[in-house]
Amino acid sequence: MNKWNYHNYEYAINENMYLVYLLVAKFKVSYQVRDDLLQAGFRGLIKAIRVFDLQKGCQFSKFAIPIILESIKICLLYTSPSPRD
């Protein structure tokens, strides 16, 4: 189990921010929704950092992308208008 402190989190987030921006850019949404998706993507990135284990031998980006996408899609599900509106 990895022990994280503030500096490790900050470094990991700064080094992998581009993943969130790349994944959000794939969705064609308004700027207001894009901000919500970025926020959700960063929550997913933090979740991925927390559960990532270096001992498994997997690249972090390959591990984090599905977790970030899941957070973005859940946010998109709740922020998009329903078909009944």
Protein backbone atom coordinates (compact mmCIF):
# COMPACT_ATOMS: atom_id res chain seq x y z
CA MET A 1 0.00 0.00 0.00
CA ASN A 2 1.34 3.39 -0.94
CA LYS A 3 1.61 6.15 1.60
CA TRP A 4 0.77 9.48 0.05
CA ASN A 5 1.45 12.91 1.43
CA TYR A 6 0.45 16.31 0.11
CA HIS A 7 3.53 16.74 -2.08
CA ASN A 8 3.11 13.34 -3.74
CA TYR A 9 -0.55 14.08 -4.51
CA GLU A 10 0.31 17.50 -5.89
CA TYR A 11 3.05 16.08 -8.09
CA ALA A 12 0.87 13.23 -9.37
CA ILE A 13 -2.01 15.58 -10.18
CA ASN A 14 0.23 18.09 -11.96
CA GLU A 15 1.91 15.38 -14.01
CA ASN A 16 -1.37 13.79 -15.11
CA MET A 17 -3.67 16.79 -15.61
CA TYR A 18 -3.35 16.38 -19.35
CA LEU A 19 -5.31 13.10 -19.16
CA VAL A 20 -8.37 14.93 -17.86
CA TYR A 21 -8.14 17.68 -20.48
CA LEU A 22 -7.70 15.17 -23.32
CA LEU A 23 -10.64 13.07 -22.21
CA VAL A 24 -12.98 16.04 -21.70
CA ALA A 25 -12.04 17.43 -25.11
CA LYS A 26 -13.57 14.35 -26.74
CA PHE A 27 -17.05 15.45 -25.62
CA LYS A 28 -18.73 18.20 -27.64
CA VAL A 29 -20.52 20.15 -24.93
CA SER A 30 -21.04 23.78 -23.92
CA TYR A 31 -18.42 25.60 -21.87
CA GLN A 32 -20.57 25.47 -18.75
CA VAL A 33 -20.93 21.70 -18.99
CA ARG A 34 -17.24 21.40 -19.89
CA ASP A 35 -16.33 22.99 -16.54
CA ASP A 36 -18.49 20.43 -14.76
CA LEU A 37 -16.85 17.61 -16.72
CA LEU A 38 -13.39 18.91 -15.87
CA GLN A 39 -14.27 18.98 -12.20
CA ALA A 40 -15.61 15.42 -12.40
CA GLY A 41 -12.51 14.35 -14.32
CA PHE A 42 -10.23 15.73 -11.63
CA ARG A 43 -12.25 13.88 -8.99
CA GLY A 44 -11.68 10.73 -11.03
CA LEU A 45 -7.96 11.51 -11.29
CA ILE A 46 -7.70 11.89 -7.52
CA LYS A 47 -9.58 8.64 -7.03
CA ALA A 48 -7.19 6.90 -9.44
CA ILE A 49 -4.18 8.29 -7.58
CA ARG A 50 -5.56 7.04 -4.27
CA VAL A 51 -6.13 3.45 -5.42
CA PHE A 52 -3.13 3.08 -7.74
CA ASP A 53 -0.52 0.61 -6.58
CA LEU A 54 3.00 0.87 -7.97
CA GLN A 55 3.70 -2.74 -7.04
CA LYS A 56 1.30 -4.04 -9.70
CA GLY A 57 3.57 -2.91 -12.55
CA CYS A 58 0.91 -1.11 -14.56
CA GLN A 59 1.32 2.31 -16.18
CA PHE A 60 -0.61 4.95 -14.29
CA SER A 61 -2.17 6.45 -17.41
CA LYS A 62 -3.61 3.10 -18.52
CA PHE A 63 -4.99 2.59 -15.04
CA ALA A 64 -6.41 6.10 -14.63
CA ILE A 65 -8.17 6.62 -17.98
CA PRO A 66 -11.13 4.27 -17.29
CA ILE A 67 -11.62 5.76 -13.82
CA ILE A 68 -11.54 9.33 -15.14
CA LEU A 69 -13.92 8.44 -18.00
CA GLU A 70 -16.33 6.82 -15.57
CA SER A 71 -16.45 10.01 -13.47
CA ILE A 72 -16.96 12.16 -16.57
CA LYS A 73 -19.74 9.95 -17.93
CA ILE A 74 -21.57 9.92 -14.61
CA CYS A 75 -21.38 13.71 -14.50
CA LEU A 76 -22.58 13.92 -18.10
CA LEU A 77 -25.49 11.64 -17.25
CA TYR A 78 -26.63 13.95 -14.45
CA THR A 79 -25.98 17.27 -16.20
CA SER A 80 -27.51 16.51 -19.60
CA PRO A 81 -31.17 17.40 -20.06
CA SER A 82 -33.60 14.55 -19.92
CA PRO A 83 -35.50 13.60 -23.10
CA ARG A 84 -38.78 14.64 -21.45
CA ASP A 85 -37.72 18.31 -21.11
